[in-house]
Amino acid sequence: MKRRNFIKTTGLAGIALSVPNINLASTILGTNKKLTILHTNDQHSRIEPFPESYAKNPNQGGFARRAMLINKIRKEESNVLLLDSGDIFQGTPYFNFFGGELELKLMSKMEYEASTIGNHEFDNGLEGLKKQLPKAKFDFLCSNYDFSNTLLEGLTKDHKIIVKDGIKIGLFGLGVELKGLVEKRNYLETKYLDPIEIAQDKANMLKKEKKCDIVICLSHIGYKYPHDPQKVCDIKLCNQTSNIDLILGGHTHTFFKEPERYINKEGKEVILNQVGWAGLLLGRIDFLFTPENNIKEIAYQTLPINNQILV
């Protein structure tokens, strides 16, 4: 078996399916070490499903449905990691009225373990974000925003390490450049640091110093910018760094048909995925590890959040 070959489950993309092939691979390899990563991005305060009259995504999405699906997967899998890639806030009256409190409380009930900070998290300024952060029972990872001498100093982390079934998982987060995108008064003295340099530094630290078996970047810098080729994006992040195994993207609201594979600067593979916006989809990537904790096989599913999920 080739390292890091995707196992397509079968059937049509976007339909929730079992992953029998990765379970078969587990038997052949003599290991049951599997890490199931669930992820979202750009939820934009879409607490409820879109109405049935909505032309594009009728009766799709919704936090309660997603919670039901996540709970079902947790009952089926032992090692589940739930992550988000930013822009939790802004987009419905729920944010206008509650300032992000409801979103963070609901995500905490779903047991998210980490998110990065998107540009819309600054919509109520640093004070508004600081007010809501205590509602989150998960960590905000922000490696390339320097909050020194601001209200947010010490309230975010630049990395996190989680261990599940002996698998050491290193996480860090990247945010988009705020200048020209967010009003200066909303981020004040926050310093934006080069995401490529910071990513390389954090990945080296997590992989080499901390000996993580898998390194994951939660990115809110965007998939690609065809009309602005100089702009930093996730594809450049893949190509110009090393020691990152998986990038979970956001910001550009891109619906991937399947995770994409790129070659990093050391000639090794890095996986990139993004699941659109508004909580319409839940991304799932299963990593199978050898007994020595080396990544051996990968399977993916893109799970729709719709009225087939009974609440």
Protein backbone atom coordinates (compact mmCIF):
# COMPACT_ATOMS: atom_id res chain seq x y z
CA MET A 1 0.00 0.00 0.00
CA LYS A 2 1.30 3.45 -0.87
CA ARG A 3 1.68 5.93 1.93
CA ARG A 4 -1.06 8.56 2.01
CA ASN A 5 -3.20 7.24 -0.79
CA PHE A 6 -6.77 8.48 -0.37
CA ILE A 7 -9.32 5.75 -0.01
CA LYS A 8 -12.53 6.81 -1.73
CA THR A 9 -15.32 5.11 0.09
CA THR A 10 -17.65 4.58 -2.92
CA GLY A 11 -20.71 6.23 -4.38
CA LEU A 12 -21.42 9.90 -4.91
CA ALA A 13 -19.36 12.67 -3.35
CA GLY A 14 -21.11 14.40 -0.49
CA ILE A 15 -23.03 11.37 0.77
CA ALA A 16 -22.28 10.11 4.25
CA LEU A 17 -20.83 6.64 3.91
CA SER A 18 -18.97 4.10 6.00
CA VAL A 19 -15.26 3.59 5.44
CA PRO A 20 -14.90 -0.19 5.03
CA ASN A 21 -11.65 0.03 3.08
CA ILE A 22 -9.74 1.74 5.84
CA ASN A 23 -11.05 -0.82 8.30
CA LEU A 24 -9.78 -3.57 5.99
CA ALA A 25 -6.42 -1.81 5.80
CA SER A 26 -6.37 -1.75 9.58
CA THR A 27 -6.75 -5.53 9.66
CA ILE A 28 -3.98 -6.06 7.08
CA LEU A 29 -1.58 -3.76 8.92
CA GLY A 30 -2.37 -5.30 12.28
CA THR A 31 -3.20 -1.95 13.86
CA ASN A 32 -6.38 -0.32 15.08
CA LYS A 33 -4.87 3.13 15.53
CA LYS A 34 -7.16 5.46 13.64
CA LEU A 35 -7.62 9.19 14.06
CA THR A 36 -10.87 10.68 12.78
CA ILE A 37 -10.64 14.41 12.09
CA LEU A 38 -13.89 16.36 11.71
CA HIS A 39 -13.69 19.97 10.60
CA THR A 40 -15.64 23.09 9.67
CA ASN A 41 -14.79 26.58 8.44
CA ASP A 42 -16.58 29.89 7.84
CA GLN A 43 -19.69 29.02 9.82
CA HIS A 44 -20.76 32.68 9.83
CA SER A 45 -23.29 32.45 12.66
CA ARG A 46 -25.56 30.09 10.68
CA ILE A 47 -27.19 28.58 13.77
CA GLU A 48 -30.35 27.43 11.98
CA PRO A 49 -30.74 25.67 8.62
CA PHE A 50 -31.36 27.77 5.56
CA PRO A 51 -35.12 28.10 4.95
CA GLU A 52 -36.83 25.80 2.48
CA SER A 53 -37.52 28.81 0.26
CA TYR A 54 -33.82 29.63 -0.06
CA ALA A 55 -32.81 29.03 -3.69
CA LYS A 56 -29.22 27.83 -3.26
CA ASN A 57 -29.20 25.64 -0.16
CA PRO A 58 -32.81 24.98 0.88
CA ASN A 59 -33.21 23.36 4.30
CA GLN A 60 -29.48 22.71 4.62
CA GLY A 61 -27.07 23.36 7.48
CA GLY A 62 -27.84 23.99 11.13
CA PHE A 63 -25.87 23.56 14.37
CA ALA A 64 -28.29 21.04 15.91
CA ARG A 65 -28.07 18.70 12.92
CA ARG A 66 -24.29 18.94 12.90
CA ALA A 67 -24.20 18.11 16.61
CA MET A 68 -26.31 15.00 15.99
CA LEU A 69 -23.98 13.83 13.23
CA ILE A 70 -20.87 14.48 15.34
CA ASN A 71 -22.35 12.53 18.25
CA LYS A 72 -23.12 9.61 15.93
CA ILE A 73 -19.54 9.53 14.65
CA ARG A 74 -18.18 9.71 18.20
CA LYS A 75 -20.21 6.64 19.11
CA GLU A 76 -18.67 4.78 16.15
CA GLU A 77 -15.06 5.96 16.46
CA SER A 78 -12.71 6.03 19.45
CA ASN A 79 -10.39 8.91 18.52
CA VAL A 80 -12.26 11.91 17.14
CA LEU A 81 -10.78 15.40 16.82
CA LEU A 82 -13.17 18.29 16.04
CA LEU A 83 -11.61 21.47 14.60
CA ASP A 84 -12.58 24.78 12.99
CA SER A 85 -10.73 27.17 10.70
CA GLY A 86 -12.22 30.53 11.59
CA ASP A 87 -14.96 33.05 10.72
CA ILE A 88 -17.31 31.64 13.30
CA PHE A 89 -18.90 35.09 13.64
CA GLN A 90 -21.05 37.35 11.45
CA GLY A 91 -23.76 36.59 8.92
CA THR A 92 -27.09 36.32 10.77
CA PRO A 93 -29.00 38.31 13.42
CA TYR A 94 -27.74 35.86 16.05
CA PHE A 95 -24.37 37.59 15.85
CA ASN A 96 -25.90 41.07 15.78
CA PHE A 97 -27.88 40.37 18.95
CA PHE A 98 -25.50 38.15 20.94
CA GLY A 99 -22.05 39.10 19.60
CA GLY A 100 -20.83 35.52 19.13
CA GLU A 101 -21.83 34.15 22.53
CA LEU A 102 -24.31 31.62 21.14
CA GLU A 103 -21.89 30.28 18.51
CA LEU A 104 -19.11 29.66 21.04
CA LYS A 105 -21.42 28.09 23.60
CA LEU A 106 -22.86 25.69 21.03
CA MET A 107 -19.43 24.79 19.68
CA SER A 108 -18.32 24.11 23.25
CA LYS A 109 -21.27 21.74 23.71
CA MET A 110 -20.17 19.96 20.52
CA GLU A 111 -16.72 19.64 22.12
CA TYR A 112 -14.63 21.41 19.53
CA GLU A 113 -10.99 21.16 20.58
CA ALA A 114 -9.49 24.10 18.67
CA SER A 115 -10.20 26.87 16.18
CA THR A 116 -8.18 29.61 14.58
CA ILE A 117 -9.29 33.26 14.40
CA GLY A 118 -10.87 34.52 11.18
CA ASN A 119 -11.12 38.14 10.10
CA HIS A 120 -14.80 38.32 11.08
CA GLU A 121 -13.92 37.49 14.67
CA PHE A 122 -12.73 41.13 14.79
CA ASP A 123 -16.09 42.60 13.68
CA ASN A 124 -16.88 43.87 17.19
CA GLY A 125 -13.28 44.88 17.80
CA LEU A 126 -10.78 43.43 20.25
CA GLU A 127 -13.07 44.27 23.15
CA GLY A 128 -15.96 42.36 21.57
CA LEU A 129 -13.79 39.31 20.92
CA LYS A 130 -12.30 39.40 24.41
CA LYS A 131 -15.80 39.48 25.90
CA GLN A 132 -16.78 36.29 24.08
CA LEU A 133 -13.60 34.20 24.43
CA PRO A 134 -14.49 32.92 27.93
CA LYS A 135 -17.61 31.32 26.42
CA ALA A 136 -15.37 28.98 24.38
CA LYS A 137 -14.35 25.78 26.16
CA PHE A 138 -11.79 25.18 23.42
CA ASP A 139 -8.57 26.92 22.43
CA PHE A 140 -8.13 29.59 19.80
CA LEU A 141 -4.82 28.97 18.04
CA CYS A 142 -3.33 32.05 16.47
CA SER A 143 0.33 31.71 15.54
CA ASN A 144 0.85 34.67 13.22
CA TYR A 145 -1.11 37.37 15.06
CA ASP A 146 0.98 39.07 17.73
CA PHE A 147 -1.43 40.38 20.36
CA SER A 148 1.27 41.88 22.59
CA ASN A 149 0.11 45.11 24.22
CA THR A 150 -3.51 44.51 23.19
CA LEU A 151 -6.61 43.35 25.05
CA LEU A 152 -6.10 39.82 23.70
CA GLU A 153 -2.56 39.34 25.00
CA GLY A 154 -2.29 35.91 26.61
CA LEU A 155 -5.83 34.86 25.65
CA THR A 156 -4.92 32.75 22.61
CA LYS A 157 -2.32 30.04 22.04
CA ASP A 158 0.25 29.73 19.27
CA HIS A 159 0.08 25.93 19.26
CA LYS A 160 -1.48 22.97 21.01
CA ILE A 161 -0.59 19.31 21.42
CA ILE A 162 -3.25 16.62 21.90
CA VAL A 163 -2.60 12.92 22.46
CA LYS A 164 -5.20 10.34 21.43
CA ASP A 165 -4.49 6.61 21.76
CA GLY A 166 -0.76 7.34 21.88
CA ILE A 167 -0.92 9.46 18.71
CA LYS A 168 0.67 12.85 19.31
CA ILE A 169 -1.12 15.59 17.35
CA GLY A 170 0.42 19.04 16.91
CA LEU A 171 -1.85 21.96 16.01
CA PHE A 172 -1.26 25.59 15.12
CA GLY A 173 -3.30 28.34 13.44
CA LEU A 174 -2.84 31.05 10.82
CA GLY A 175 -4.88 34.17 10.11
CA VAL A 176 -5.26 36.34 7.01
CA GLU A 177 -3.67 39.80 6.76
CA LEU A 178 -6.04 42.25 8.43
CA LYS A 179 -4.83 45.46 6.79
CA GLY A 180 -7.28 46.49 4.07
CA LEU A 181 -9.73 43.78 5.13
CA VAL A 182 -10.64 44.82 8.67
CA GLU A 183 -10.98 48.36 9.98
CA LYS A 184 -7.86 49.40 11.89
CA ARG A 185 -9.92 50.39 14.92
CA ASN A 186 -11.10 46.77 15.20
CA TYR A 187 -7.64 45.22 15.52
CA LEU A 188 -5.58 48.22 16.73
CA GLU A 189 -1.98 47.18 17.56
CA THR A 190 -2.35 43.55 16.50
CA LYS A 191 0.68 42.64 14.41
CA TYR A 192 0.40 40.38 11.38
CA LEU A 193 3.40 38.07 10.98
CA ASP A 194 4.37 36.30 7.76
CA PRO A 195 2.34 33.06 7.70
CA ILE A 196 4.91 31.07 5.71
CA GLU A 197 7.74 31.86 8.13
CA ILE A 198 5.57 31.28 11.19
CA ALA A 199 4.16 28.03 9.78
CA GLN A 200 7.64 26.68 9.12
CA ASP A 201 8.77 27.60 12.61
CA LYS A 202 5.76 26.01 14.31
CA ALA A 203 5.82 22.90 12.13
CA ASN A 204 9.53 22.34 12.81
CA MET A 205 8.98 22.76 16.52
CA LEU A 206 6.00 20.41 16.66
CA LYS A 207 7.49 17.70 14.44
CA LYS A 208 11.16 17.79 15.44
CA GLU A 209 11.26 19.11 18.99
CA LYS A 210 7.91 17.91 20.31
CA LYS A 211 7.99 14.70 18.24
CA CYS A 212 4.39 14.95 17.03
CA ASP A 213 3.20 12.11 14.81
CA ILE A 214 0.96 14.42 12.78
CA VAL A 215 1.05 18.22 12.39
CA ILE A 216 -2.14 20.07 11.46
CA CYS A 217 -2.47 23.71 10.45
CA LEU A 218 -5.79 25.50 10.91
CA SER A 219 -5.57 28.13 8.19
CA HIS A 220 -7.72 31.17 7.53
CA ILE A 221 -5.50 32.65 4.82
CA GLY A 222 -7.51 31.36 1.84
CA TYR A 223 -7.19 28.58 -0.75
CA LYS A 224 -5.81 30.55 -3.73
CA TYR A 225 -6.04 33.97 -5.40
CA PRO A 226 -5.82 33.65 -9.21
CA HIS A 227 -6.14 37.42 -9.70
CA ASP A 228 -3.47 38.21 -7.09
CA PRO A 229 -0.69 35.62 -7.55
CA GLN A 230 1.60 37.38 -5.05
CA LYS A 231 -0.81 36.90 -2.18
CA VAL A 232 -0.06 34.21 0.38
CA CYS A 233 -2.52 31.30 0.18
CA ASP A 234 -2.88 27.70 1.29
CA ILE A 235 -1.34 26.29 -1.89
CA LYS A 236 1.79 28.37 -1.31
CA LEU A 237 1.76 27.26 2.30
CA CYS A 238 1.79 23.64 1.11
CA ASN A 239 4.61 24.17 -1.39
CA GLN A 240 6.90 26.46 0.62
CA THR A 241 6.97 24.71 4.00
CA SER A 242 7.78 21.30 5.42
CA ASN A 243 6.67 19.11 8.33
CA ILE A 244 2.96 19.94 7.93
CA ASP A 245 0.82 16.87 7.24
CA LEU A 246 -2.63 18.46 6.93
CA ILE A 247 -3.94 21.98 6.29
CA LEU A 248 -7.59 22.65 7.05
CA GLY A 249 -8.43 25.86 5.24
CA GLY A 250 -10.97 28.64 5.32
CA HIS A 251 -11.69 32.25 4.29
CA THR A 252 -12.36 31.68 0.58
CA HIS A 253 -15.52 29.57 1.14
CA THR A 254 -14.19 26.90 -1.24
CA PHE A 255 -16.13 23.66 -1.65
CA PHE A 256 -13.55 20.95 -2.29
CA LYS A 257 -14.79 17.86 -4.09
CA GLU A 258 -12.11 15.96 -2.20
CA PRO A 259 -8.95 16.84 -0.26
CA GLU A 260 -6.08 17.97 -2.48
CA ARG A 261 -2.49 16.73 -2.27
CA TYR A 262 0.56 18.94 -2.77
CA ILE A 263 4.30 18.42 -2.54
CA ASN A 264 6.12 20.43 0.10
CA LYS A 265 9.60 21.90 -0.21
CA GLU A 266 11.18 18.62 0.92
CA GLY A 267 9.31 16.59 -1.69
CA LYS A 268 6.81 15.11 0.77
CA GLU A 269 3.04 15.14 0.57
CA VAL A 270 0.78 17.57 2.40
CA ILE A 271 -3.01 17.34 2.35
CA LEU A 272 -5.29 20.37 1.99
CA ASN A 273 -9.04 20.48 2.55
CA GLN A 274 -11.84 23.05 2.95
CA VAL A 275 -15.62 22.58 3.26
CA GLY A 276 -17.22 25.73 1.87
CA TRP A 277 -19.13 27.87 4.35
CA ALA A 278 -22.24 28.27 6.55
CA GLY A 279 -21.97 24.80 8.09
CA LEU A 280 -23.44 23.15 5.00
CA LEU A 281 -20.87 20.36 5.19
CA LEU A 282 -18.82 18.56 7.78
CA GLY A 283 -15.38 17.45 6.62
CA ARG A 284 -14.09 14.07 7.72
CA ILE A 285 -10.60 12.69 7.20
CA ASP A 286 -9.55 9.36 8.73
CA PHE A 287 -5.86 8.66 9.26
CA LEU A 288 -4.74 5.09 9.86
CA PHE A 289 -1.44 4.71 11.69
CA THR A 290 0.96 1.80 11.85
CA PRO A 291 1.83 0.41 15.30
CA GLU A 292 4.88 2.74 15.17
CA ASN A 293 2.57 5.78 14.67
CA ASN A 294 3.47 6.37 11.03
CA ILE A 295 0.65 7.54 8.77
CA LYS A 296 -0.20 4.67 6.44
CA GLU A 297 -3.63 5.16 4.88
CA ILE A 298 -6.10 8.02 4.59
CA ALA A 299 -9.82 8.03 3.84
CA TYR A 300 -12.12 11.01 3.42
CA GLN A 301 -15.79 11.84 3.41
CA THR A 302 -17.68 15.08 2.87
CA LEU A 303 -20.83 14.88 4.97
CA PRO A 304 -23.84 17.05 4.10
CA ILE A 305 -25.79 18.69 6.91
CA ASN A 306 -29.41 18.36 5.79
CA ASN A 307 -32.87 17.21 6.83
CA GLN A 308 -31.85 13.55 6.59
CA ILE A 309 -30.13 14.07 9.94
CA LEU A 310 -32.92 13.73 12.49
CA VAL A 311 -32.79 16.09 15.47
